Protein backbone atom coordinates (compact mmCIF):
# COMPACT_ATOMS: atom_id res chain seq x y z
CA MET A 1 16.19 -60.14 40.79
CA ASN A 2 16.28 -57.33 38.27
CA ASP A 3 15.55 -58.42 34.70
CA MET A 4 18.22 -56.68 32.59
CA SER A 5 15.76 -56.39 29.69
CA THR A 6 13.28 -54.28 31.65
CA THR A 7 14.24 -51.18 33.58
CA THR A 8 12.52 -48.26 35.27
CA GLU A 9 13.65 -45.55 32.88
CA THR A 10 12.05 -42.65 34.76
CA GLY A 11 13.69 -43.30 38.11
CA LEU A 12 16.78 -41.53 39.43
CA THR A 13 18.99 -44.61 39.17
CA MET A 14 18.30 -45.15 35.48
CA ARG A 15 18.36 -41.46 34.60
CA LEU A 16 21.73 -41.09 36.25
CA ALA A 17 22.96 -44.25 34.51
CA HIS A 18 22.01 -42.77 31.13
CA THR A 19 23.87 -39.56 32.00
CA ILE A 20 27.04 -41.54 32.77
CA SER A 21 26.78 -43.91 29.80
CA GLU A 22 25.90 -41.21 27.27
CA PHE A 23 28.27 -38.55 28.54
CA ALA A 24 30.07 -36.61 25.82
CA HIS A 25 33.21 -34.51 26.22
CA SER A 26 31.38 -31.53 24.72
CA ASP A 27 29.55 -31.18 28.05
CA VAL A 28 32.78 -30.30 29.85
CA THR A 29 34.05 -26.74 30.14
CA GLU A 30 37.68 -25.74 29.84
CA GLN A 31 37.57 -24.61 33.48
CA SER A 32 36.35 -28.02 34.63
CA LEU A 33 39.13 -29.81 32.79
CA ARG A 34 41.70 -27.51 34.34
CA GLU A 35 40.31 -28.02 37.82
CA ALA A 36 40.40 -31.79 37.26
CA GLU A 37 44.05 -31.58 36.20
CA ARG A 38 44.84 -29.57 39.33
CA ALA A 39 43.04 -32.23 41.39
CA PHE A 40 45.26 -34.94 39.90
CA ILE A 41 48.40 -32.90 40.64
CA ASP A 42 47.39 -32.27 44.24
CA THR A 43 46.06 -35.76 44.98
CA ILE A 44 48.98 -37.67 43.50
CA ALA A 45 51.36 -35.38 45.40
CA VAL A 46 49.84 -36.17 48.79
CA ALA A 47 49.75 -39.90 47.97
CA ILE A 48 53.47 -39.91 47.14
CA ALA A 49 54.16 -38.03 50.38
CA ALA A 50 52.40 -40.85 52.29
CA ALA A 51 54.52 -43.67 50.84
CA ASP A 52 56.26 -44.36 54.16
CA ASP A 53 53.32 -43.49 56.38
CA GLU A 54 52.49 -46.29 58.78
CA THR A 55 48.92 -46.48 57.52
CA VAL A 56 50.14 -47.21 53.99
CA THR A 57 52.97 -49.56 54.91
CA THR A 58 50.69 -51.55 57.22
CA LEU A 59 48.05 -51.88 54.51
CA VAL A 60 50.60 -52.98 51.91
CA ARG A 61 52.07 -55.52 54.32
CA ALA A 62 48.60 -56.96 54.95
CA LEU A 63 47.80 -57.19 51.24
CA ASP A 64 51.12 -58.50 49.96
CA THR A 65 50.45 -62.15 50.78
CA GLY A 66 48.96 -63.59 47.64
CA ALA A 67 48.64 -60.21 45.92
CA ALA A 68 47.99 -60.63 42.20
CA ALA A 69 50.10 -58.65 39.77
CA GLY A 70 48.16 -56.54 37.31
CA PRO A 71 48.21 -53.52 35.01
CA ALA A 72 47.32 -50.84 37.57
CA ARG A 73 50.32 -48.97 38.91
CA SER A 74 51.11 -47.76 42.41
CA LEU A 75 51.54 -44.19 43.60
CA VAL A 76 53.67 -45.32 46.55
CA GLY A 77 56.40 -47.37 44.92
CA THR A 78 54.87 -50.84 45.30
CA PRO A 79 54.39 -53.37 42.49
CA SER A 80 51.50 -53.04 40.04
CA ARG A 81 48.30 -54.82 41.01
CA GLN A 82 44.86 -55.63 39.73
CA ALA A 83 42.81 -52.43 39.40
CA ALA A 84 40.63 -52.77 42.49
CA GLN A 85 43.53 -53.57 44.80
CA ALA A 86 45.70 -50.82 43.32
CA ALA A 87 42.86 -48.38 43.99
CA LEU A 88 42.63 -49.64 47.57
CA VAL A 89 46.30 -48.89 48.20
CA ASN A 90 46.40 -45.64 46.26
CA GLY A 91 43.13 -44.33 47.69
CA THR A 92 44.30 -45.01 51.23
CA ALA A 93 47.58 -43.25 50.47
CA CYS A 94 45.74 -40.25 48.99
CA HIS A 95 43.91 -39.71 52.28
CA ALA A 96 46.52 -40.99 54.75
CA LEU A 97 47.97 -37.56 55.54
CA ASP A 98 44.60 -35.77 55.41
CA PHE A 99 46.25 -33.36 52.99
CA ASP A 100 43.90 -33.98 50.03
CA ASP A 101 41.21 -31.66 48.69
CA MET A 102 37.63 -31.44 49.90
CA THR A 103 34.34 -29.79 49.06
CA GLU A 104 31.64 -28.56 51.39
CA GLN A 105 28.97 -29.48 48.84
CA ILE A 106 29.85 -33.15 49.32
CA GLN A 107 31.02 -32.78 52.94
CA GLY A 108 33.98 -34.95 52.06
CA HIS A 109 37.08 -35.59 49.98
CA PRO A 110 36.20 -36.48 46.38
CA SER A 111 39.62 -36.67 44.75
CA ALA A 112 41.12 -39.18 47.20
CA VAL A 113 38.60 -41.67 45.81
CA LEU A 114 38.11 -40.56 42.21
CA VAL A 115 41.76 -40.07 41.20
CA PRO A 116 42.92 -43.57 42.24
CA ALA A 117 39.78 -45.20 40.79
CA ALA A 118 40.13 -43.43 37.44
CA LEU A 119 43.89 -44.06 37.27
CA ALA A 120 43.57 -47.77 38.06
CA VAL A 121 40.89 -48.42 35.46
CA GLY A 122 42.65 -46.08 33.04
CA ASP A 123 45.78 -48.20 33.31
CA GLU A 124 43.71 -51.35 32.83
CA VAL A 125 41.85 -50.24 29.69
CA ASP A 126 44.65 -48.09 28.25
CA ALA A 127 42.65 -44.87 28.51
CA SER A 128 43.95 -41.48 27.44
CA GLY A 129 44.59 -38.70 29.89
CA LEU A 130 41.48 -36.92 28.65
CA GLN A 131 39.31 -40.01 29.21
CA VAL A 132 40.61 -40.33 32.75
CA LEU A 133 39.82 -36.67 33.41
CA GLU A 134 36.32 -37.21 32.00
CA ALA A 135 35.84 -40.22 34.28
CA TYR A 136 36.87 -38.07 37.24
CA LEU A 137 34.32 -35.39 36.28
CA VAL A 138 31.56 -37.97 35.81
CA GLY A 139 32.31 -39.38 39.26
CA TYR A 140 32.37 -35.93 40.80
CA HIS A 141 29.00 -35.11 39.21
CA VAL A 142 27.47 -38.24 40.76
CA GLU A 143 28.89 -37.45 44.20
CA HIS A 144 27.77 -33.82 44.03
CA LEU A 145 24.26 -34.71 42.89
CA LEU A 146 23.72 -37.48 45.47
CA GLY A 147 25.26 -35.31 48.18
CA SER A 148 22.70 -32.62 47.38
CA ALA A 149 19.85 -35.12 47.49
CA LEU A 150 21.05 -36.60 50.79
CA ASP A 151 21.56 -33.20 52.45
CA GLY A 152 25.27 -33.46 53.21
CA PRO A 153 25.18 -31.94 56.72
CA ALA A 154 22.32 -34.23 57.78
CA HIS A 155 24.17 -37.25 56.40
CA TYR A 156 27.35 -36.19 58.20
CA ALA A 157 25.49 -35.57 61.47
CA LEU A 158 24.35 -39.20 61.48
CA GLY A 159 27.99 -40.24 61.68
CA TRP A 160 28.61 -41.15 58.04
CA HIS A 161 31.84 -40.22 56.27
CA ALA A 162 30.76 -38.98 52.84
CA THR A 163 34.24 -39.57 51.42
CA SER A 164 33.27 -43.23 51.65
CA THR A 165 29.50 -43.34 51.22
CA LEU A 166 29.35 -40.94 48.29
CA GLY A 167 32.84 -41.82 47.14
CA VAL A 168 31.98 -45.40 46.24
CA MET A 169 29.12 -44.12 44.08
CA GLY A 170 31.44 -41.70 42.30
CA ALA A 171 34.09 -44.38 41.82
CA ALA A 172 31.52 -46.78 40.37
CA ALA A 173 30.39 -44.09 37.94
CA ALA A 174 33.97 -43.29 36.89
CA ALA A 175 34.77 -46.97 36.37
CA ALA A 176 31.52 -47.61 34.49
CA TYR A 177 32.36 -44.72 32.16
CA LEU A 178 35.85 -46.06 31.42
CA TYR A 179 34.54 -49.61 30.97
CA GLN A 180 31.97 -48.13 28.55
CA LEU A 181 29.04 -49.86 30.21
CA ASP A 182 25.58 -49.44 28.73
CA PRO A 183 22.88 -47.71 30.85
CA VAL A 184 21.48 -50.95 32.30
CA ARG A 185 24.85 -52.21 33.42
CA THR A 186 25.78 -48.74 34.68
CA ALA A 187 22.60 -48.69 36.79
CA ASN A 188 23.56 -52.06 38.21
CA ALA A 189 27.03 -50.75 39.01
CA LEU A 190 25.50 -47.86 40.95
CA ALA A 191 23.13 -50.18 42.77
CA ILE A 192 25.88 -52.64 43.69
CA ALA A 193 28.00 -49.73 44.92
CA GLY A 194 25.08 -48.57 47.06
CA THR A 195 25.23 -51.88 48.91
CA MET A 196 28.99 -51.42 49.42
CA SER A 197 28.66 -47.92 50.92
CA GLY A 198 29.78 -47.31 54.49
CA GLY A 199 32.28 -45.41 56.62
CA SER A 200 31.88 -44.41 60.28
CA ARG A 201 33.15 -41.07 61.53
CA GLN A 202 33.99 -42.74 64.83
CA ASN A 203 37.14 -43.96 63.09
CA PHE A 204 38.46 -40.42 62.54
CA GLY A 205 41.97 -40.10 63.91
CA THR A 206 42.84 -43.74 63.17
CA MET A 207 44.23 -45.62 60.16
CA THR A 208 40.69 -46.59 59.19
CA LYS A 209 39.69 -43.06 58.17
CA PRO A 210 42.05 -43.04 55.15
CA LEU A 211 41.08 -46.64 54.51
CA HIS A 212 37.57 -45.30 53.82
CA ALA A 213 38.89 -43.62 50.66
CA GLY A 214 40.74 -46.73 49.55
CA LEU A 215 37.76 -48.99 50.11
CA ALA A 216 35.45 -46.60 48.25
CA ALA A 217 37.77 -46.49 45.23
CA SER A 218 38.24 -50.26 45.27
CA HIS A 219 34.58 -51.12 45.79
CA GLY A 220 33.48 -48.74 43.05
CA ILE A 221 35.70 -50.60 40.58
CA GLU A 222 34.47 -53.96 41.84
CA ALA A 223 30.85 -52.85 41.44
CA ALA A 224 31.47 -51.78 37.84
CA LYS A 225 33.28 -55.02 37.04
CA LEU A 226 30.45 -57.11 38.46
CA ALA A 227 27.93 -55.13 36.45
CA ARG A 228 30.04 -55.49 33.32
CA GLU A 229 29.79 -59.28 33.63
CA GLY A 230 26.00 -59.18 34.03
CA PHE A 231 25.65 -59.07 37.82
CA THR A 232 22.24 -57.61 38.63
CA ALA A 233 20.89 -55.24 41.26
CA SER A 234 17.85 -53.04 41.86
CA ASP A 235 17.28 -50.49 39.10
CA VAL A 236 15.63 -48.17 41.64
CA GLN A 237 18.33 -48.53 44.29
CA LEU A 238 18.93 -44.81 44.72
CA GLU A 239 15.35 -43.60 45.03
CA ALA A 240 13.33 -46.53 46.43
CA PRO A 241 12.32 -47.10 50.06
CA TYR A 242 15.23 -48.90 51.76
CA GLY A 243 17.44 -47.55 48.96
CA PHE A 244 20.57 -45.42 49.15
CA LEU A 245 19.00 -42.02 49.83
CA ASP A 246 16.54 -43.20 52.46
CA LEU A 247 19.11 -45.32 54.25
CA PHE A 248 21.75 -42.66 54.55
CA SER A 249 19.75 -39.58 55.50
CA ALA A 250 16.42 -38.88 57.17
CA ASP A 251 16.30 -35.57 55.26
CA SER A 252 16.91 -36.82 51.71
CA ASP A 253 14.95 -35.10 48.96
CA LEU A 254 14.74 -36.48 45.42
CA SER A 255 13.77 -33.08 44.05
CA ARG A 256 17.31 -31.88 44.75
CA ALA A 257 18.50 -34.38 42.12
CA ASP A 258 16.33 -32.94 39.35
CA THR A 259 19.41 -31.67 37.50
CA VAL A 260 20.57 -35.23 36.85
CA ARG A 261 20.49 -34.94 33.04
CA GLU A 262 21.85 -31.41 32.84
CA PRO A 263 25.54 -30.77 32.01
CA LEU A 264 28.05 -31.94 34.59
CA HIS A 265 28.62 -29.70 37.58
CA ASP A 266 31.13 -27.12 36.42
CA LEU A 267 34.26 -27.35 38.53
CA GLY A 268 35.18 -23.94 37.20
CA GLU A 269 32.25 -22.55 39.19
CA HIS A 270 32.23 -25.09 42.04
CA ARG A 271 35.94 -25.31 42.74
CA LEU A 272 37.53 -27.72 45.15
CA SER A 273 39.14 -26.52 48.35
CA VAL A 274 42.84 -27.41 48.33
CA LYS A 275 44.53 -27.84 51.69
CA LYS A 276 47.51 -25.80 52.84
CA TYR A 277 47.90 -27.89 55.99
CA PRO A 278 47.92 -31.71 56.39
CA ALA A 279 45.04 -31.83 58.88
CA CYS A 280 41.26 -32.05 59.00
CA TYR A 281 39.83 -29.17 57.00
CA SER A 282 37.75 -28.08 59.99
CA THR A 283 40.99 -26.90 61.61
CA HIS A 284 42.12 -24.67 58.74
CA ARG A 285 40.14 -21.54 59.55
CA THR A 286 41.45 -21.65 63.09
CA ILE A 287 45.04 -22.24 61.97
CA ASP A 288 44.89 -19.22 59.66
CA ALA A 289 43.34 -17.13 62.44
CA VAL A 290 46.14 -18.11 64.84
CA LEU A 291 48.86 -17.38 62.30
CA ALA A 292 47.30 -13.97 61.56
CA VAL A 293 47.88 -12.98 65.19
CA GLY A 294 51.60 -13.20 64.56
CA PRO A 295 54.35 -14.52 66.83
CA VAL A 296 53.27 -14.90 70.46
CA ASP A 297 55.41 -15.75 73.49
CA VAL A 298 53.70 -18.98 74.50
CA ASP A 299 55.02 -18.68 78.07
CA ALA A 300 52.98 -15.48 78.39
CA ILE A 301 49.68 -17.20 77.49
CA GLU A 302 47.12 -17.65 80.24
CA SER A 303 44.37 -19.26 78.15
CA ILE A 304 42.97 -19.50 74.63
CA VAL A 305 39.34 -19.71 73.50
CA VAL A 306 38.51 -20.93 69.99
CA THR A 307 34.97 -20.25 68.79
CA MET A 308 33.54 -21.85 65.66
CA GLN A 309 30.19 -22.05 63.91
CA PRO A 310 27.66 -24.65 65.11
CA ALA A 311 28.82 -28.18 64.25
CA GLY A 312 32.27 -26.86 63.37
CA LEU A 313 33.86 -28.99 66.06
CA GLU A 314 32.07 -32.22 65.11
CA PRO A 315 35.02 -33.95 63.43
CA LEU A 316 37.57 -32.64 65.94
CA ILE A 317 37.13 -35.46 68.43
CA HIS A 318 40.61 -35.74 69.94
CA HIS A 319 41.13 -33.25 72.76
CA ARG A 320 44.24 -34.84 74.26
CA PRO A 321 46.01 -36.34 71.25
CA THR A 322 49.06 -38.55 71.60
CA THR A 323 49.57 -39.56 67.96
CA GLY A 324 49.96 -37.66 64.74
CA LEU A 325 46.72 -39.11 63.40
CA GLN A 326 44.82 -37.88 66.45
CA GLY A 327 46.54 -34.51 66.14
CA LYS A 328 44.97 -34.04 62.71
CA PHE A 329 41.55 -34.11 64.39
CA SER A 330 42.39 -31.95 67.39
CA ILE A 331 41.70 -28.22 67.44
CA GLU A 332 43.79 -28.00 70.61
CA TYR A 333 46.86 -29.55 69.01
CA THR A 334 46.68 -27.62 65.75
CA VAL A 335 46.40 -24.33 67.65
CA ALA A 336 49.23 -25.21 70.03
CA ALA A 337 51.55 -26.37 67.26
CA SER A 338 50.76 -23.34 65.11
CA LEU A 339 51.69 -21.01 67.96
CA LEU A 340 54.88 -22.88 68.85
CA ASP A 341 56.12 -23.55 65.33
CA GLY A 342 54.70 -20.65 63.34
CA GLY A 343 52.83 -23.00 61.01
CA LEU A 344 51.97 -26.64 60.30
CA THR A 345 53.84 -28.93 57.92
CA LEU A 346 53.99 -32.67 57.30
CA PRO A 347 56.51 -33.25 60.14
CA SER A 348 54.10 -31.46 62.51
CA PHE A 349 52.03 -34.63 62.57
CA GLU A 350 54.68 -37.11 63.57
CA ASP A 351 54.01 -38.71 66.95
CA ASP A 352 57.07 -37.12 68.55
CA ALA A 353 55.88 -33.67 67.51
CA VAL A 354 52.49 -34.20 69.14
CA ASN A 355 54.01 -35.49 72.38
CA ARG A 356 56.39 -32.58 72.99
CA PRO A 357 55.91 -31.49 76.64
CA GLN A 358 55.52 -27.84 75.64
CA VAL A 359 52.77 -28.76 73.16
CA GLN A 360 50.94 -30.96 75.66
CA ALA A 361 51.08 -28.21 78.28
CA LEU A 362 49.82 -25.53 75.89
CA LEU A 363 46.93 -27.51 74.43
CA ARG A 364 45.50 -27.91 77.93
CA LYS A 365 45.04 -24.13 78.05
CA ILE A 366 42.79 -24.18 74.97
CA THR A 367 38.99 -24.24 75.19
CA PRO A 368 36.98 -24.89 72.01
CA THR A 369 33.38 -23.73 71.76
CA GLU A 370 30.65 -23.03 69.20
CA SER A 371 28.31 -20.10 68.67
CA ASP A 372 25.76 -18.89 66.13
CA VAL A 373 27.23 -15.40 66.46
CA PRO A 374 30.97 -14.84 66.13
CA PRO A 375 32.46 -13.06 69.17
CA VAL A 376 34.72 -11.01 66.88
CA GLY A 377 33.70 -9.03 63.80
CA PRO A 378 30.37 -9.04 61.92
CA ALA A 379 27.56 -11.30 63.06
CA GLU A 380 27.14 -12.62 59.51
CA TRP A 381 29.04 -15.61 58.12
CA THR A 382 28.46 -18.07 55.27
CA THR A 383 29.84 -21.61 55.42
CA GLY A 384 31.78 -21.14 58.64
CA TYR A 385 34.15 -19.07 60.74
CA ALA A 386 36.81 -19.37 63.44
CA CYS A 387 37.62 -16.80 66.11
CA VAL A 388 40.64 -17.04 68.40
CA ALA A 389 41.01 -15.12 71.66
CA ILE A 390 44.42 -15.42 73.35
CA LEU A 391 44.44 -14.12 76.93
CA LEU A 392 47.94 -13.12 78.08
CA ARG A 393 49.15 -13.10 81.67
CA ASP A 394 49.46 -9.30 81.58
CA GLY A 395 45.71 -8.99 80.97
CA ARG A 396 45.82 -8.25 77.23
CA THR A 397 43.73 -10.29 74.80
CA LEU A 398 44.81 -10.94 71.22
CA THR A 399 41.95 -11.75 68.84
CA SER A 400 41.66 -12.89 65.26
CA ARG A 401 38.98 -14.22 62.94
CA CYS A 402 39.01 -16.20 59.69
CA ASP A 403 35.88 -17.03 57.70
CA GLN A 404 37.53 -18.83 54.77
CA PRO A 405 41.02 -20.28 54.88
CA ARG A 406 43.50 -19.77 52.08
CA GLY A 407 42.97 -22.48 49.48
CA HIS A 408 39.19 -22.51 49.98
CA ALA A 409 37.13 -22.64 46.80
CA THR A 410 36.41 -18.92 47.23
CA ASP A 411 40.11 -18.10 47.66
CA PRO A 412 41.85 -20.80 45.62
CA LEU A 413 45.55 -21.51 45.47
CA SER A 414 47.23 -20.41 42.25
CA ASP A 415 48.67 -22.96 39.84
CA ASP A 416 52.12 -22.01 41.09
CA GLU A 417 51.08 -22.70 44.68
CA VAL A 418 49.63 -26.10 43.72
CA HIS A 419 52.88 -26.89 41.91
CA GLU A 420 54.89 -25.82 44.95
CA LYS A 421 52.84 -28.14 47.16
CA PHE A 422 53.48 -30.98 44.71
CA VAL A 423 57.25 -30.42 44.84
CA ASP A 424 57.21 -30.18 48.66
CA CYS A 425 55.28 -33.46 48.97
CA VAL A 426 57.51 -35.37 46.57
CA GLU A 427 60.69 -34.06 48.18
CA PHE A 428 59.32 -34.95 51.64
CA ALA A 429 58.92 -38.57 50.55
CA THR A 430 61.83 -39.07 48.18
CA GLY A 431 64.27 -36.24 48.67
CA GLU A 432 64.07 -35.69 44.92
CA SER A 433 62.04 -33.56 42.53
CA SER A 434 59.70 -35.05 39.96
CA GLU A 435 59.60 -32.49 37.19
CA ALA A 436 58.62 -35.01 34.52
CA LEU A 437 55.58 -36.23 36.46
CA LEU A 438 54.47 -32.70 37.30
CA ALA A 439 54.79 -31.61 33.68
CA ALA A 440 52.77 -34.61 32.48
CA LEU A 441 50.02 -34.05 35.05
CA ASP A 442 49.86 -30.35 34.25
CA THR A 443 48.79 -31.22 30.69
CA LEU A 444 47.12 -34.54 31.43
CA ARG A 445 44.42 -34.03 28.80
CA LYS A 446 47.09 -34.20 26.08
CA LEU A 447 48.46 -37.58 27.14
CA ASP A 448 47.50 -40.31 24.64
CA HIS A 449 48.01 -43.12 27.16
CA VAL A 450 47.65 -42.58 30.89
CA ARG A 451 50.00 -45.55 31.24
CA ASP A 452 52.75 -43.18 30.11
CA LEU A 453 52.53 -41.10 33.29
CA PRO A 454 55.98 -41.41 34.91
CA LEU A 455 54.69 -42.59 38.29
CA PRO A 456 57.14 -43.64 41.04
CA SER A 457 58.94 -46.89 40.20
CA ALA A 458 58.39 -49.91 42.39
CA ARG A 459 60.96 -50.07 45.17
CA SER A 460 63.25 -53.07 45.33
């Protein structure tokens, strides 16, 4: 048992705990605050859009028996709950449509965990909008730093879903910041969260993938609450043998965490990638490449070959999807639907849309493959690429390539485009606009009480 009066101050766990506990707003750039506000707009939008999704309604039905009322509000029109359970519901909703942001540095979806965790604790402690944004940035810093130390691709290749494994660490950091825990208790929160980490990629394409985000947000809050009450854990959990880094990656390297005490990672420089399509981000380059070809008579198609960078197909495990959830992780479906419909929207991932005979026939003509060298265009690429070759029955071949999809951190959506996505998501779920909520989120840092956010009212 760790003696709370003696700690290993030089280790990564304690150094990171001091960074969280002693964080000051002066470390945050204007660009980072703006990116965090955009993340709240985007993430709350996709959660509201998922209010009637079967994943969310099933979870709420399972939790409703004996659910305890509390101060933390819902994003999906259900009654307020205790913070950890509200974060479970909201986090699952944020990721249910796979429409939330991501970052290649983390190899996962940070905001689907951090936004619901920060909002739930913010409601509980009556935090300001600025404090909630700061908690988000603290959590993101922890995820980014630990993701670097783990080697995100190596971690992912082992089958772990970083949205969950790193997300619970970020959520614990965000909650510890809002609970104003001292460094020792913050270290314990991180160590407890390390024991709660999990999330198997085998569950991609099922309800359990979005549950990963909800569990990470919920467990992070629970870890911080336990630590707040004096619950103890190893103060070298992150760096020790059998600790977090060694358990979750064979290629972890502590030296990559040497920036632990430097200013928080600047989201102005390391922007999030915001999704244009409600599907696994690994499909987005290919979708943009298909759409760039222009309208194609699908009856004239003989075959289609999709080529991606090595490991690009790893998460796309459903080759003959029959549900909307599976369709989100199917390169064959997303290509077929893009060609037939001229784009992908939220209704594209309803079960009936996936099971259309014309879609099922076309996706069987699609062959996905990987290559170090793109078959179209320059041999060089950075984080990834997608090339599409459509062979027509008359012998012609239509080709297209996309290296970075629109909305990627290197080609970000404008504020107007993020706002438009928000309106589309809210109207999809409610048939109404939510101008007041959008306006409040757009200037979240100015809100004295995050409780004043006009979130959706509980449904009768």
